[in-house]
N, C-alpha and C. Protein backbone atom coordinates (compact mmCIF):
# COMPACT_ATOMS: atom_id res chain seq x y z
N UNK A 1 0.66 -1.41 0.25
CA UNK A 1 -0.18 -0.13 0.14
C UNK A 1 0.77 1.14 -0.36
N UNK A 2 0.54 2.29 -0.98
CA UNK A 2 1.17 3.40 -0.79
C UNK A 2 0.60 4.57 -0.43
N UNK A 3 1.03 5.87 -0.69
CA UNK A 3 0.21 6.99 -0.70
C UNK A 3 0.68 7.95 -0.51
N UNK A 4 -0.51 8.83 -1.52
CA UNK A 4 0.34 10.28 -2.26
C UNK A 4 -0.29 11.12 -1.98
N UNK A 5 0.37 11.94 -1.35
CA UNK A 5 -0.45 13.28 -1.36
C UNK A 5 -0.07 14.18 -2.06
N UNK A 6 -0.85 15.33 -2.04
CA UNK A 6 -0.84 16.26 -3.43
C UNK A 6 -1.39 17.68 -2.11
N UNK A 7 0.03 18.79 -2.86
CA UNK A 7 0.21 19.43 -2.15
C UNK A 7 0.02 21.09 -2.68
N UNK A 8 -1.16 21.80 -2.93
CA UNK A 8 -0.97 22.94 -3.78
C UNK A 8 -0.18 23.55 -3.11
N UNK A 9 0.85 24.58 -3.73
CA UNK A 9 1.81 25.83 -2.94
C UNK A 9 0.81 26.74 -2.09
N UNK A 10 1.48 27.82 -1.48
CA UNK A 10 0.45 28.13 -0.76
C UNK A 10 0.15 29.48 -1.25
N UNK A 11 -0.44 30.23 -0.93
CA UNK A 11 -0.49 31.76 -1.39
C UNK A 11 0.45 32.32 -1.87
N UNK A 12 0.55 32.94 -3.18
CA UNK A 12 1.82 33.72 -3.52
C UNK A 12 1.78 34.97 -4.03
N UNK A 13 2.96 36.19 -3.93
CA UNK A 13 2.38 37.24 -4.35
C UNK A 13 3.21 37.57 -5.90
N UNK A 14 2.75 38.28 -6.33
CA UNK A 14 3.31 39.04 -7.70
C UNK A 14 3.49 40.06 -7.65
N UNK A 15 5.07 40.45 -7.58
CA UNK A 15 5.72 41.81 -7.58
C UNK A 15 5.82 42.35 -8.93
N UNK A 16 6.19 43.20 -9.11
CA UNK A 16 6.19 43.99 -10.88
C UNK A 16 7.84 43.33 -10.94
N UNK A 17 7.55 43.16 -12.37
CA UNK A 17 8.53 43.14 -12.89
C UNK A 17 9.17 41.45 -12.48
N UNK A 18 8.40 40.40 -12.29
CA UNK A 18 9.06 39.64 -11.28
C UNK A 18 8.16 38.06 -12.28
N UNK A 19 9.01 37.47 -13.24
CA UNK A 19 8.08 36.53 -13.75
C UNK A 19 7.24 35.10 -13.16
N UNK A 20 6.17 34.49 -13.77
CA UNK A 20 5.84 33.19 -12.79
C UNK A 20 6.17 32.56 -12.17
N UNK A 21 7.68 31.96 -12.68
CA UNK A 21 8.41 30.77 -12.04
C UNK A 21 9.13 31.26 -10.77
N UNK A 22 9.29 32.49 -10.84
CA UNK A 22 10.10 33.36 -9.63
C UNK A 22 9.09 33.83 -8.56
N UNK A 23 7.44 33.71 -8.47
CA UNK A 23 6.66 34.54 -7.55
C UNK A 23 7.42 34.17 -6.10
N UNK A 24 6.70 34.55 -5.60
CA UNK A 24 7.67 34.30 -3.79
C UNK A 24 5.86 34.14 -2.93
N UNK A 25 6.45 33.46 -2.34
CA UNK A 25 5.12 33.44 -1.23
C UNK A 25 4.83 34.74 -0.43
N UNK A 26 3.34 34.58 -0.56
CA UNK A 26 2.88 36.04 0.32
C UNK A 26 3.09 35.69 1.91
N UNK A 27 3.00 36.90 2.44
CA UNK A 27 2.77 36.71 3.70
C UNK A 27 1.96 35.56 4.26
N UNK A 28 0.82 35.80 3.86
CA UNK A 28 -0.58 34.81 4.19
C UNK A 28 -0.01 33.75 4.05
N UNK A 29 1.14 33.51 2.59
CA UNK A 29 1.47 32.10 2.19
C UNK A 29 2.30 31.14 3.32
N UNK A 30 3.19 32.02 3.55
CA UNK A 30 3.99 31.77 4.90
C UNK A 30 3.23 31.23 5.69
N UNK A 31 2.25 31.62 6.58
CA UNK A 31 1.00 31.38 7.86
C UNK A 31 0.57 30.20 7.14
N UNK A 32 -0.26 29.92 5.87
CA UNK A 32 -0.37 29.02 5.73
C UNK A 32 -0.02 27.51 5.58
N UNK A 33 1.33 27.73 5.09
CA UNK A 33 2.14 27.00 5.03
C UNK A 33 2.43 26.11 6.20
N UNK A 34 3.56 26.95 6.89
CA UNK A 34 3.68 27.04 8.37
C UNK A 34 2.17 26.18 9.47
N UNK A 35 0.83 26.85 8.81
CA UNK A 35 -0.21 25.86 9.90
C UNK A 35 -0.36 24.33 9.27
N UNK A 36 -0.72 24.48 7.99
CA UNK A 36 -0.91 22.93 7.57
C UNK A 36 0.49 22.05 7.80
N UNK A 37 1.75 22.67 7.42
CA UNK A 37 2.51 21.52 7.77
C UNK A 37 2.42 20.91 9.48
N UNK A 38 2.68 22.30 10.19
CA UNK A 38 2.24 21.65 11.40
C UNK A 38 0.93 21.41 12.02
N UNK A 39 -0.28 20.96 11.01
CA UNK A 39 -1.30 20.39 11.17
C UNK A 39 -1.20 19.06 11.19
N UNK A 40 -0.50 18.80 9.63
CA UNK A 40 -0.55 17.21 9.67
C UNK A 40 0.40 16.59 10.18
N UNK A 41 1.48 17.38 10.70
CA UNK A 41 2.43 16.58 11.25
C UNK A 41 1.79 16.49 12.45
N UNK A 42 1.15 16.93 13.15
CA UNK A 42 0.26 16.94 14.42
C UNK A 42 -0.53 15.62 14.60
N UNK A 43 -1.13 16.20 12.99
CA UNK A 43 -2.41 14.42 12.98
C UNK A 43 -1.62 13.37 12.31
N UNK A 44 -0.33 13.33 12.84
CA UNK A 44 0.49 11.69 12.25
C UNK A 44 0.42 11.58 10.96
N UNK A 45 0.13 12.74 9.93
CA UNK A 45 0.48 12.11 8.18
C UNK A 45 1.66 11.80 7.76
N UNK A 46 1.35 10.25 7.69
CA UNK A 46 2.82 10.09 7.54
C UNK A 46 3.17 10.65 5.90
N UNK A 47 4.76 11.05 5.77
CA UNK A 47 5.58 11.43 4.13
C UNK A 47 6.82 10.63 4.70
N UNK A 48 7.23 10.13 3.95
CA UNK A 48 8.66 9.54 3.67
C UNK A 48 9.76 10.63 2.88
N UNK A 49 8.67 11.36 1.79
CA UNK A 49 10.01 11.73 0.70
C UNK A 49 8.92 13.20 -0.04
N UNK A 50 9.31 13.73 -0.46
CA UNK A 50 8.69 15.17 -0.88
C UNK A 50 9.63 15.66 -2.20
N UNK A 51 8.10 15.59 -3.12
CA UNK A 51 9.00 16.37 -4.20
C UNK A 51 8.09 17.41 -4.81
N UNK A 52 8.60 18.83 -4.80
CA UNK A 52 8.01 19.74 -5.31
C UNK A 52 8.73 20.24 -6.71
N UNK A 53 7.70 21.13 -7.47
CA UNK A 53 7.94 21.63 -8.44
C UNK A 53 8.82 22.88 -7.84
N UNK A 54 10.02 22.87 -9.21
CA UNK A 54 11.17 23.87 -8.60
C UNK A 54 10.63 25.45 -8.79
N UNK A 55 9.48 26.03 -9.03
CA UNK A 55 9.17 27.30 -9.19
C UNK A 55 9.10 28.01 -8.02
N UNK A 56 9.64 28.88 -7.56
CA UNK A 56 9.89 29.59 -6.24
C UNK A 56 8.97 29.09 -5.08
N UNK A 57 7.91 29.70 -5.49
CA UNK A 57 6.23 29.40 -4.34
C UNK A 57 5.77 28.31 -4.12
N UNK A 58 6.29 26.98 -5.02
CA UNK A 58 6.31 25.33 -4.24
C UNK A 58 7.44 25.20 -4.20
N UNK A 59 8.52 25.50 -3.94
CA UNK A 59 9.70 24.59 -3.41
C UNK A 59 9.34 25.43 -2.08
N UNK A 60 9.34 26.77 -1.94
CA UNK A 60 9.39 27.48 -0.48
C UNK A 60 8.54 26.65 0.36
N UNK A 61 6.89 26.35 -0.24
CA UNK A 61 5.96 25.71 0.03
C UNK A 61 6.88 24.57 1.32
N UNK A 62 7.28 23.97 0.07
CA UNK A 62 7.83 22.50 0.08
C UNK A 62 8.86 22.54 1.69
N UNK A 63 9.82 23.19 1.19
CA UNK A 63 11.03 23.97 2.82
C UNK A 63 10.32 23.97 3.83
N UNK A 64 8.54 24.53 3.95
CA UNK A 64 8.45 24.76 5.21
C UNK A 64 7.76 23.42 5.75
N UNK A 65 7.13 22.92 4.92
CA UNK A 65 6.88 21.48 5.09
C UNK A 65 7.91 20.73 5.76
N UNK A 66 9.15 20.77 4.86
CA UNK A 66 10.29 20.31 5.33
C UNK A 66 11.07 20.29 6.66
N UNK A 67 10.93 21.40 7.22
CA UNK A 67 10.57 21.68 8.45
C UNK A 67 10.10 21.18 9.58
N UNK A 68 8.54 20.98 9.38
CA UNK A 68 8.25 19.82 10.28
C UNK A 68 8.51 18.75 10.20
N UNK A 69 8.72 18.43 9.05
CA UNK A 69 8.89 16.79 8.53
C UNK A 69 10.74 16.08 8.93
N UNK A 70 11.31 16.86 8.59
CA UNK A 70 13.08 16.69 8.64
C UNK A 70 13.35 15.19 7.53
N UNK A 71 12.76 15.34 6.53
CA UNK A 71 13.03 14.30 5.54
C UNK A 71 13.47 15.04 4.11
N UNK A 72 13.60 13.71 3.45
CA UNK A 72 14.68 14.22 2.26
C UNK A 72 13.28 14.94 1.15
N UNK A 73 14.07 16.09 0.51
CA UNK A 73 13.32 16.10 -0.74
C UNK A 73 13.79 16.66 -2.33
N UNK A 74 12.92 16.43 -3.26
CA UNK A 74 13.81 16.58 -4.70
C UNK A 74 12.80 17.43 -5.34
N UNK A 75 13.18 17.71 -6.80
CA UNK A 75 12.21 18.82 -7.30
C UNK A 75 12.14 18.09 -9.31
N UNK A 76 10.90 18.01 -9.20
CA UNK A 76 10.80 17.75 -10.72
C UNK A 76 10.29 18.77 -11.71
N UNK A 77 11.03 18.93 -12.59
CA UNK A 77 10.44 20.22 -13.32
C UNK A 77 8.99 19.76 -14.35
N UNK A 78 8.85 18.28 -14.00
CA UNK A 78 7.46 18.10 -14.62
C UNK A 78 6.30 18.71 -13.59
N UNK A 79 6.38 19.05 -12.81
CA UNK A 79 5.43 19.30 -11.37
C UNK A 79 5.23 21.22 -11.57
N UNK A 80 5.69 22.07 -12.47
CA UNK A 80 5.66 22.94 -13.01
C UNK A 80 4.62 22.77 -13.93
N UNK A 81 4.03 23.98 -13.54
CA UNK A 81 2.47 24.19 -14.67
C UNK A 81 2.33 22.63 -15.51
N UNK A 82 1.82 21.33 -14.98
CA UNK A 82 1.98 20.21 -14.88
C UNK A 82 -0.02 19.61 -15.62
N UNK A 83 0.35 18.95 -16.61
CA UNK A 83 -0.40 17.93 -17.69
C UNK A 83 -0.95 16.69 -16.45
N UNK A 84 -1.75 16.21 -16.74
CA UNK A 84 -2.08 15.11 -15.72
C UNK A 84 -0.92 14.06 -15.65
N UNK A 85 -0.76 14.10 -16.82
CA UNK A 85 0.52 13.03 -17.41
C UNK A 85 1.83 13.23 -16.61
N UNK A 86 2.11 14.30 -16.23
CA UNK A 86 3.21 15.08 -16.01
C UNK A 86 3.15 13.92 -14.66
N UNK A 87 2.42 14.46 -13.86
CA UNK A 87 2.43 13.86 -12.49
C UNK A 87 2.41 12.26 -12.30
N UNK A 88 2.04 11.44 -13.42
CA UNK A 88 1.75 10.11 -13.74
C UNK A 88 3.55 9.66 -13.66
N UNK A 89 3.84 10.42 -14.27
CA UNK A 89 5.42 10.69 -14.91
C UNK A 89 6.67 10.54 -13.61
N UNK A 90 6.12 11.55 -13.32
CA UNK A 90 6.90 11.80 -11.63
C UNK A 90 6.42 10.60 -10.71
N UNK A 91 5.19 10.23 -10.93
CA UNK A 91 5.36 9.08 -9.72
C UNK A 91 5.82 7.62 -10.17
N UNK A 92 5.91 7.28 -11.52
CA UNK A 92 6.53 6.25 -12.18
C UNK A 92 8.09 5.90 -12.13
N UNK A 93 8.49 7.14 -11.82
CA UNK A 93 9.76 7.30 -11.18
C UNK A 93 10.17 7.53 -10.06
N UNK A 94 9.68 7.38 -8.84
CA UNK A 94 9.68 7.21 -7.53
C UNK A 94 10.38 5.99 -6.74
N UNK A 95 11.07 5.98 -6.17
CA UNK A 95 11.79 4.68 -5.30
C UNK A 95 10.74 3.92 -4.66
N UNK A 96 10.81 2.45 -4.86
CA UNK A 96 9.63 1.93 -4.37
C UNK A 96 10.01 2.03 -2.73
N UNK A 97 10.86 2.38 -2.08
CA UNK A 97 11.31 2.04 -0.75
C UNK A 97 10.25 3.14 -0.22
N UNK A 98 10.11 4.58 -0.64
CA UNK A 98 8.82 5.58 -0.14
C UNK A 98 7.72 4.68 -0.14
N UNK A 99 6.92 4.85 0.62
CA UNK A 99 5.37 4.37 0.54
C UNK A 99 4.70 5.23 0.86
N UNK A 100 5.35 6.71 1.55
CA UNK A 100 4.32 7.96 1.76
C UNK A 100 4.84 9.15 0.64
N UNK A 101 4.38 9.50 -0.62
CA UNK A 101 5.19 11.01 -1.14
C UNK A 101 3.98 11.94 -1.36
N UNK A 102 4.71 13.19 -0.63
CA UNK A 102 3.93 14.06 -0.90
C UNK A 102 4.75 15.55 -2.46
N UNK A 103 3.83 15.79 -3.31
CA UNK A 103 3.88 16.59 -4.18
C UNK A 103 3.84 17.83 -4.06
N UNK A 104 4.68 18.66 -4.54
CA UNK A 104 4.01 20.40 -4.25
C UNK A 104 3.96 20.91 -5.55
N UNK A 105 3.05 21.35 -6.14
CA UNK A 105 2.34 21.46 -7.19
C UNK A 105 1.82 22.70 -7.46
N UNK A 106 0.65 22.94 -8.40
CA UNK A 106 0.22 24.20 -9.09
C UNK A 106 -1.05 23.89 -9.57
N UNK A 107 -2.03 25.00 -9.30
CA UNK A 107 -3.34 24.79 -10.18
C UNK A 107 -3.35 25.09 -11.96
N UNK A 108 -3.79 24.56 -12.49
CA UNK A 108 -5.58 23.73 -12.61
C UNK A 108 -4.74 22.28 -12.80
N UNK A 109 -3.45 21.97 -12.72
CA UNK A 109 -2.68 21.11 -13.11
C UNK A 109 -3.21 19.80 -12.10
N UNK A 110 -3.16 20.59 -10.65
CA UNK A 110 -3.03 19.64 -9.10
C UNK A 110 -4.46 19.11 -9.43
N UNK A 111 -5.37 20.04 -9.19
CA UNK A 111 -6.75 19.87 -9.08
C UNK A 111 -7.17 18.92 -10.27
N UNK A 112 -6.97 18.74 -10.95
CA UNK A 112 -7.26 18.09 -12.95
C UNK A 112 -6.37 16.63 -12.48
N UNK A 113 -5.49 16.18 -12.01
CA UNK A 113 -4.71 15.21 -11.17
C UNK A 113 -6.15 14.56 -10.60
N UNK A 114 -6.14 15.20 -9.46
CA UNK A 114 -6.89 14.62 -8.28
C UNK A 114 -7.77 14.04 -8.57
N UNK A 115 -9.00 15.15 -9.37
CA UNK A 115 -9.93 14.52 -9.75
C UNK A 115 -9.95 13.82 -10.78
N UNK A 116 -9.21 13.22 -11.64
CA UNK A 116 -8.24 12.27 -12.25
C UNK A 116 -8.56 10.75 -11.83
N UNK A 117 -8.18 10.91 -10.47
CA UNK A 117 -8.04 10.06 -9.65
C UNK A 117 -8.49 9.28 -8.44
N UNK A 118 -9.83 10.60 -8.11
CA UNK A 118 -10.82 10.56 -7.52
C UNK A 118 -12.16 10.38 -8.03
N UNK A 119 -13.69 9.91 -7.22
CA UNK A 119 -14.80 10.83 -7.66
C UNK A 119 -14.98 11.42 -6.91
N UNK A 120 -13.81 11.82 -5.96
CA UNK A 120 -14.56 13.52 -5.24
C UNK A 120 -13.82 14.52 -5.82
N UNK A 121 -15.18 15.81 -6.28
CA UNK A 121 -14.80 15.89 -7.50
C UNK A 121 -14.44 17.59 -6.42
N UNK A 122 -13.52 17.85 -6.60
CA UNK A 122 -12.98 19.35 -5.31
C UNK A 122 -11.83 20.15 -6.21
N UNK A 123 -11.85 21.51 -6.16
CA UNK A 123 -10.61 22.58 -6.32
C UNK A 123 -9.42 22.77 -5.22
N UNK A 124 -8.46 22.95 -5.92
CA UNK A 124 -7.34 23.18 -4.62
C UNK A 124 -7.25 24.68 -4.32
N UNK A 125 -7.51 25.18 -3.00
CA UNK A 125 -7.27 26.33 -2.64
C UNK A 125 -5.39 26.34 -2.64
N UNK A 126 -5.07 27.02 -2.10
CA UNK A 126 -3.80 27.83 -1.89
C UNK A 126 -3.62 26.81 -0.93
N UNK A 127 -2.29 25.77 -0.24
CA UNK A 127 -1.89 25.03 0.37
C UNK A 127 -3.47 24.28 0.75
N UNK A 128 -3.74 24.53 -0.11
CA UNK A 128 -4.56 22.87 0.19
C UNK A 128 -4.65 21.53 -0.27
N UNK A 129 -4.81 20.64 0.78
CA UNK A 129 -3.87 19.14 0.83
C UNK A 129 -4.82 17.97 0.76
N UNK A 130 -4.47 17.27 -0.18
CA UNK A 130 -5.64 15.97 -0.44
C UNK A 130 -4.19 14.76 -0.23
N UNK A 131 -4.82 13.19 0.74
CA UNK A 131 -4.28 12.31 0.64
C UNK A 131 -4.83 11.62 -0.15
N UNK A 132 -4.00 10.19 -0.65
CA UNK A 132 -5.10 8.93 -1.36
C UNK A 132 -3.94 7.91 -1.11
N UNK A 133 -5.04 7.33 -1.09
CA UNK A 133 -4.64 5.43 -0.60
C UNK A 133 -4.50 4.98 -1.99
N UNK A 134 -2.85 4.57 -2.40
CA UNK A 134 -3.19 3.68 -3.38
C UNK A 134 -2.60 2.33 -3.38
N UNK A 135 -3.40 1.25 -3.84
CA UNK A 135 -3.67 0.14 -3.22
C UNK A 135 -2.22 -0.38 -3.83
N UNK A 136 -1.19 -0.34 -4.20
CA UNK A 136 -0.06 -0.98 -4.88
C UNK A 136 0.89 -1.48 -4.24
N UNK A 137 1.88 -2.52 -4.53
CA UNK A 137 2.83 -2.54 -3.53
C UNK A 137 4.50 -1.82 -4.21
N UNK A 138 4.24 -1.13 -5.77
CA UNK A 138 4.86 -0.60 -6.76
C UNK A 138 4.61 0.68 -7.25
N UNK A 139 5.17 1.71 -7.45
CA UNK A 139 4.80 3.04 -7.96
C UNK A 139 4.75 2.71 -9.37
N UNK A 140 4.78 1.73 -9.68
CA UNK A 140 4.92 1.44 -10.87
C UNK A 140 3.83 0.94 -11.28
N UNK A 141 2.91 0.49 -10.37
CA UNK A 141 1.72 -0.36 -10.70
C UNK A 141 0.49 0.75 -10.40
N UNK A 142 1.10 1.89 -10.25
CA UNK A 142 0.00 3.10 -10.26
C UNK A 142 -1.11 3.02 -11.07
N UNK A 143 -1.21 2.83 -12.28
CA UNK A 143 -1.89 3.43 -13.16
C UNK A 143 -3.50 2.19 -12.87
N UNK A 144 -2.69 0.66 -12.79
CA UNK A 144 -3.86 0.37 -12.79
C UNK A 144 -4.96 -0.06 -10.61
N UNK A 145 -4.08 0.39 -10.42
CA UNK A 145 -4.00 0.48 -8.91
C UNK A 145 -5.55 0.94 -8.53
N UNK A 146 -6.24 0.73 -7.72
CA UNK A 146 -7.73 1.56 -6.75
C UNK A 146 -6.76 2.26 -5.83
N UNK A 147 -7.64 3.49 -6.36
CA UNK A 147 -7.16 4.59 -5.43
C UNK A 147 -8.13 5.54 -4.45
N UNK A 148 -7.85 5.95 -3.18
CA UNK A 148 -8.85 6.12 -2.44
C UNK A 148 -8.35 7.04 -1.76
N UNK A 149 -9.41 8.40 -1.99
CA UNK A 149 -9.05 9.66 -1.04
C UNK A 149 -9.38 9.27 0.46
N UNK A 150 -8.19 9.87 1.12
CA UNK A 150 -7.96 9.65 2.50
C UNK A 150 -8.67 10.83 3.15
N UNK A 151 -7.70 12.18 2.39
CA UNK A 151 -8.10 13.15 3.43
C UNK A 151 -8.46 14.17 2.50
N UNK A 152 -9.10 15.56 3.00
CA UNK A 152 -8.50 16.79 2.17
C UNK A 152 -8.79 18.08 2.94
N UNK A 153 -7.84 18.62 3.27
CA UNK A 153 -7.40 19.58 4.13
C UNK A 153 -7.27 20.83 3.10
N UNK A 154 -8.02 22.19 4.22
CA UNK A 154 -7.86 23.42 3.12
C UNK A 154 -7.33 24.47 4.50
N UNK A 155 -6.61 25.17 4.11
CA UNK A 155 -6.24 26.32 5.10
C UNK A 155 -7.27 26.97 5.93
N UNK A 156 -7.35 27.77 7.04
CA UNK A 156 -8.50 28.20 7.27
C UNK A 156 -10.04 27.28 8.05
N UNK A 157 -9.76 25.86 7.65
CA UNK A 157 -10.80 25.35 7.81
C UNK A 157 -10.33 23.68 8.67
N UNK A 158 -8.76 23.91 9.28
CA UNK A 158 -8.15 22.73 10.33
C UNK A 158 -8.15 23.71 11.17
């Protein structure tokens, strides 16, 4: 059994003269990410490994979660402005020693991907987190595996 956790980056800012990739987190986003990462750790949501989009706002959200979890992280360009197939490509490259992995990515891709593997239709707010149980022993079995939504957390509602 594997667990996939999807995290949309926290609320970002868009300073003048800043391109999309380099957008920083807003003050509210920093607070959201700290609140959500502490909530998840306190509620014993197990995570073995983080994979983040390399975009500044997603990577900084991931780094805040890393402070709570103190686990290894990597980046993958496929999680920046992703299509549904991008997520699957990253999943198939995961090491099977990781039982529970969190991806930090962006809308609309993260919402579309979550909806493609769950019967519970939802839209990710900034710093929203969804956890899925994947009935497989290897990440390579993801496509054909049964998937079940375990939780969906939103800042301000936890």
